[in-house]
Amino acid sequence: MNLSKKNWVCDAHTHYVSEEDLTLRIAQNIPSLFSHSTPEDLICFFRKNLPSFLLPTYGIHPWKADQFKVTEVETFLQKVPIIGEIGMDTVWCTVPLSIQKLVFEEQLELASALQKPVILHTKGQEKEISKLIRKYPNRYLVHWYSCEKYLEHYIEQDCYFSIGPDVWWNPATKHVAETVPLNRILTETDGLSAVRWAFDEAPADKKHSTAPIPDTTKSALELVIHNIAMLRNLSKEDCAVLTYNNLRTGFLK
């Protein structure tokens, strides 16, 4: 994939992995939304004085919903341009759902009041979250949606969707990539550790069907773009430009 005239890859949802990764993102001009789940992590990010195309996001992640109160971190929620990732999770999380829901709704209400877009974590709670966000009109990005149900509930609300690095083998992620409106598709890595996880989780009969595990953010994003392009009958270049513009002039408008 030759995008040498201009870098068109972008990462709509990621986490800090290493200084090496951060340095490469800067050198390659990769717009990236860095998610933070603790005030300490966010403060460290701000202290780095990074280029403006590396944006911080912050929110109380469902896994930490019993560790923070929204009133305690409201200052940090006000500092970031985007709130997230926030949501509910009954797959990988043991925090009582009642606590998750309370913290989630309080953040949704604040984000709506502040007119700040939101990144959603929906694992196992896709149907309930699609109902909750109707109460709080906003611009939403559904990160790495991997459920084969309820997708239409989010499409109806004009949500954006960042396609995860398992799109080359996961039927649910493929379904999202081939179904959502073209002007709502974004790309993400969720961090290079998540990229490696996605490859490790691939069924044995699928592992031979793609290139080696991407070892840089750019190569991981290009693989996601390649697969979206095939699913939507686009050239890789057109798909890259599309997802780039969807982030820069769509979700981040």
Protein backbone atom coordinates (compact mmCIF):
# COMPACT_ATOMS: atom_id res chain seq x y z
CA MET A 1 0.00 0.00 0.00
CA ASN A 2 1.76 3.14 -1.17
CA LEU A 3 0.61 6.25 0.65
CA SER A 4 3.95 8.02 0.41
CA LYS A 5 2.56 11.30 -0.92
CA LYS A 6 0.61 11.78 2.29
CA ASN A 7 0.04 9.70 5.36
CA TRP A 8 -3.63 8.77 5.41
CA VAL A 9 -3.63 6.21 8.24
CA CYS A 10 -5.11 7.23 11.56
CA ASP A 11 -5.90 5.52 14.85
CA ALA A 12 -9.31 6.39 16.28
CA HIS A 13 -8.69 4.48 19.49
CA THR A 14 -5.47 3.41 21.12
CA HIS A 15 -3.61 3.21 24.43
CA TYR A 16 -0.08 4.14 25.36
CA VAL A 17 2.22 1.17 24.77
CA SER A 18 5.76 2.49 24.66
CA GLU A 19 7.87 5.55 23.93
CA GLU A 20 9.07 3.80 20.76
CA ASP A 21 5.50 3.54 19.47
CA LEU A 22 4.83 7.16 20.41
CA THR A 23 7.96 8.32 18.59
CA LEU A 24 6.98 6.40 15.45
CA ARG A 25 3.47 7.88 15.47
CA ILE A 26 4.99 11.35 15.61
CA ALA A 27 7.55 10.63 12.89
CA GLN A 28 4.88 9.13 10.63
CA ASN A 29 2.25 11.80 11.41
CA ILE A 30 -0.41 9.31 12.49
CA PRO A 31 -3.43 11.08 14.03
CA SER A 32 -4.26 9.08 17.15
CA LEU A 33 -6.77 9.25 19.99
CA PHE A 34 -5.05 8.05 23.15
CA SER A 35 -7.43 6.68 25.77
CA HIS A 36 -6.59 7.11 29.48
CA SER A 37 -8.43 5.53 32.38
CA THR A 38 -6.64 7.16 35.32
CA PRO A 39 -5.88 10.82 36.08
CA GLU A 40 -2.21 9.92 36.57
CA ASP A 41 -1.92 8.51 33.04
CA LEU A 42 -3.62 11.58 31.61
CA ILE A 43 -1.31 13.95 33.50
CA CYS A 44 1.74 12.08 32.16
CA PHE A 45 0.37 12.43 28.63
CA PHE A 46 -0.13 16.19 29.01
CA ARG A 47 3.41 16.61 30.35
CA LYS A 48 4.87 15.17 27.15
CA ASN A 49 3.79 18.25 25.13
CA LEU A 50 2.92 16.11 22.13
CA PRO A 51 1.89 17.27 18.64
CA SER A 52 -1.72 18.32 18.25
CA PHE A 53 -2.55 15.31 16.06
CA LEU A 54 -2.10 13.08 19.13
CA LEU A 55 -5.22 13.72 21.17
CA PRO A 56 -5.97 12.60 24.72
CA THR A 57 -9.27 11.06 25.71
CA TYR A 58 -10.30 10.30 29.26
CA GLY A 59 -13.15 8.60 31.05
CA ILE A 60 -13.87 6.16 33.84
CA HIS A 61 -13.57 2.79 32.11
CA PRO A 62 -16.15 0.21 33.25
CA TRP A 63 -13.34 -1.90 34.69
CA LYS A 64 -12.54 0.99 37.04
CA ALA A 65 -16.10 2.08 37.78
CA ASP A 66 -15.74 1.09 41.44
CA GLN A 67 -12.47 3.02 41.86
CA PHE A 68 -13.47 6.56 40.86
CA LYS A 69 -16.44 8.86 41.28
CA VAL A 70 -17.35 11.17 38.43
CA THR A 71 -17.35 14.18 40.76
CA GLU A 72 -13.75 13.35 41.75
CA VAL A 73 -12.45 13.37 38.18
CA GLU A 74 -14.73 15.98 36.60
CA THR A 75 -11.79 18.37 36.21
CA PHE A 76 -10.03 15.82 34.02
CA LEU A 77 -13.17 15.13 31.99
CA GLN A 78 -13.36 18.85 31.29
CA LYS A 79 -9.72 19.02 30.16
CA VAL A 80 -9.95 16.49 27.33
CA PRO A 81 -11.61 17.07 23.93
CA ILE A 82 -13.20 13.59 23.94
CA ILE A 83 -14.65 11.53 26.79
CA GLY A 84 -13.94 7.82 26.75
CA GLU A 85 -13.64 5.07 26.63
CA ILE A 86 -16.67 4.64 28.84
CA GLY A 87 -19.46 2.11 28.90
CA MET A 88 -20.45 -1.19 30.46
CA ASP A 89 -18.92 -4.66 30.29
CA THR A 90 -20.25 -8.02 31.47
CA VAL A 91 -17.72 -10.12 29.55
CA TRP A 92 -14.33 -9.09 30.95
CA CYS A 93 -15.42 -7.13 34.02
CA THR A 94 -16.44 -8.14 37.55
CA VAL A 95 -17.51 -4.68 38.77
CA PRO A 96 -21.23 -4.88 39.64
CA LEU A 97 -23.31 -3.77 36.67
CA SER A 98 -25.33 -1.37 38.86
CA ILE A 99 -22.13 0.56 39.67
CA GLN A 100 -20.99 0.51 36.04
CA LYS A 101 -24.34 1.86 34.87
CA LEU A 102 -24.40 4.69 37.40
CA VAL A 103 -20.89 5.86 36.51
CA PHE A 104 -21.59 5.46 32.80
CA GLU A 105 -24.78 7.51 32.85
CA GLU A 106 -23.20 10.27 34.91
CA GLN A 107 -20.45 10.57 32.31
CA LEU A 108 -22.94 10.50 29.43
CA GLU A 109 -24.87 13.32 31.05
CA LEU A 110 -21.73 15.39 31.61
CA ALA A 111 -20.44 14.76 28.07
CA SER A 112 -23.76 15.87 26.61
CA ALA A 113 -23.76 19.01 28.76
CA LEU A 114 -20.17 19.81 27.77
CA GLN A 115 -20.88 18.94 24.10
CA LYS A 116 -17.91 16.58 24.00
CA PRO A 117 -18.00 13.45 21.81
CA VAL A 118 -17.79 10.05 23.47
CA ILE A 119 -15.97 6.78 22.80
CA LEU A 120 -18.01 3.74 23.86
CA HIS A 121 -16.98 0.37 25.31
CA THR A 122 -19.93 -2.00 24.83
CA LYS A 123 -18.76 -5.51 25.64
CA GLY A 124 -21.75 -7.72 26.47
CA GLN A 125 -23.99 -4.68 27.03
CA GLU A 126 -24.59 -3.65 23.44
CA LYS A 127 -28.38 -3.58 23.63
CA GLU A 128 -28.58 -1.69 26.93
CA ILE A 129 -26.01 0.90 25.90
CA SER A 130 -27.80 1.55 22.61
CA LYS A 131 -30.87 2.43 24.68
CA LEU A 132 -29.03 4.58 27.21
CA ILE A 133 -27.30 6.82 24.71
CA ARG A 134 -30.65 7.80 23.20
CA LYS A 135 -31.25 9.79 26.38
CA TYR A 136 -28.07 11.81 25.83
CA PRO A 137 -27.86 13.13 22.26
CA ASN A 138 -24.22 13.37 21.25
CA ARG A 139 -21.60 12.25 18.74
CA TYR A 140 -20.58 8.67 19.58
CA LEU A 141 -17.77 6.41 18.46
CA VAL A 142 -18.38 2.73 19.12
CA HIS A 143 -14.94 1.24 19.59
CA TRP A 144 -14.22 -2.25 18.18
CA TYR A 145 -17.84 -3.40 18.08
CA SER A 146 -17.74 -7.20 17.96
CA CYS A 147 -21.35 -8.20 18.50
CA GLU A 148 -23.45 -9.55 15.64
CA LYS A 149 -26.65 -8.15 17.16
CA TYR A 150 -28.06 -4.64 17.74
CA LEU A 151 -25.78 -2.97 15.23
CA GLU A 152 -28.74 -1.27 13.59
CA HIS A 153 -29.59 0.45 16.90
CA TYR A 154 -26.29 2.34 16.72
CA ILE A 155 -26.49 2.98 12.99
CA GLU A 156 -29.89 4.61 13.55
CA GLN A 157 -28.20 7.06 15.93
CA ASP A 158 -25.49 7.99 13.41
CA CYS A 159 -22.69 6.53 15.51
CA TYR A 160 -19.15 6.16 14.21
CA PHE A 161 -17.47 2.74 14.35
CA SER A 162 -13.75 2.05 14.65
CA ILE A 163 -12.89 -1.30 13.11
CA GLY A 164 -10.63 -3.49 15.23
CA PRO A 165 -7.51 -5.40 14.19
CA ASP A 166 -9.32 -8.76 14.10
CA VAL A 167 -11.34 -7.75 11.04
CA TRP A 168 -9.37 -10.17 8.87
CA TRP A 169 -10.87 -13.20 10.68
CA ASN A 170 -13.65 -12.25 13.13
CA PRO A 171 -17.13 -12.57 11.50
CA ALA A 172 -18.66 -10.04 13.91
CA THR A 173 -16.05 -7.38 13.18
CA LYS A 174 -16.31 -8.12 9.46
CA HIS A 175 -20.07 -7.65 9.68
CA VAL A 176 -19.59 -4.18 11.15
CA ALA A 177 -17.03 -3.25 8.49
CA GLU A 178 -19.28 -4.33 5.63
CA THR A 179 -22.54 -2.95 7.05
CA VAL A 180 -22.11 0.50 8.59
CA PRO A 181 -22.39 3.60 6.38
CA LEU A 182 -19.13 4.46 4.64
CA ASN A 183 -19.07 7.91 6.21
CA ARG A 184 -19.05 6.34 9.68
CA ILE A 185 -16.15 3.89 9.34
CA LEU A 186 -12.90 4.51 11.24
CA THR A 187 -9.81 2.41 11.96
CA GLU A 188 -8.20 1.55 15.28
CA THR A 189 -5.47 -0.56 16.83
CA ASP A 190 -6.51 -0.36 20.50
CA GLY A 191 -2.71 -0.40 21.02
CA LEU A 192 -0.13 -2.85 19.67
CA SER A 193 -0.75 -5.25 22.56
CA ALA A 194 -4.36 -5.53 21.35
CA VAL A 195 -3.14 -6.15 17.81
CA ARG A 196 -1.04 -9.06 19.07
CA TRP A 197 -4.01 -10.35 21.08
CA ALA A 198 -6.21 -10.24 17.97
CA PHE A 199 -3.71 -12.36 16.06
CA ASP A 200 -3.26 -14.80 18.93
CA GLU A 201 -7.04 -15.27 19.14
CA ALA A 202 -7.42 -16.06 15.45
CA PRO A 203 -8.55 -19.64 14.69
CA ALA A 204 -5.73 -21.92 13.61
CA ASP A 205 -7.14 -22.29 10.10
CA LYS A 206 -7.08 -18.52 9.63
CA LYS A 207 -3.57 -17.77 10.85
CA HIS A 208 -1.97 -18.69 7.53
CA SER A 209 -4.25 -16.41 5.55
CA THR A 210 -2.60 -13.10 6.37
CA ALA A 211 0.83 -11.55 6.67
CA PRO A 212 2.91 -11.82 9.85
CA ILE A 213 1.65 -9.97 12.91
CA PRO A 214 2.11 -6.23 12.29
CA ASP A 215 4.82 -4.88 14.55
CA THR A 216 4.11 -1.17 14.09
CA THR A 217 1.01 0.97 14.39
CA LYS A 218 1.21 1.96 10.72
CA SER A 219 1.40 -1.63 9.47
CA ALA A 220 -1.47 -2.67 11.76
CA LEU A 221 -3.68 0.16 10.51
CA GLU A 222 -2.79 -0.58 6.90
CA LEU A 223 -3.90 -4.19 7.40
CA VAL A 224 -7.26 -3.00 8.78
CA ILE A 225 -7.63 -0.64 5.81
CA HIS A 226 -6.77 -3.46 3.41
CA ASN A 227 -9.54 -5.65 4.82
CA ILE A 228 -12.16 -2.89 4.93
CA ALA A 229 -11.32 -2.05 1.32
CA MET A 230 -11.88 -5.65 0.22
CA LEU A 231 -15.19 -5.86 2.10
CA ARG A 232 -16.48 -2.59 0.64
CA ASN A 233 -15.06 -2.99 -2.87
CA LEU A 234 -12.80 0.05 -2.53
CA SER A 235 -9.20 0.61 -3.45
CA LYS A 236 -6.87 0.66 -0.46
CA GLU A 237 -5.98 4.25 -1.20
CA ASP A 238 -9.62 5.37 -1.36
CA CYS A 239 -10.40 3.49 1.83
CA ALA A 240 -7.47 5.11 3.63
CA VAL A 241 -8.54 8.61 2.55
CA LEU A 242 -12.14 7.84 3.51
CA THR A 243 -11.34 6.67 7.05
CA TYR A 244 -8.87 9.51 7.56
CA ASN A 245 -11.45 12.13 6.60
CA ASN A 246 -14.15 10.40 8.64
CA LEU A 247 -12.00 10.98 11.71
CA ARG A 248 -10.57 14.43 11.02
CA THR A 249 -13.63 16.13 9.52
CA GLY A 250 -16.32 13.79 10.85
CA PHE A 251 -15.97 12.52 14.40
CA LEU A 252 -13.53 15.29 15.38
CA LYS A 253 -15.34 18.11 13.62
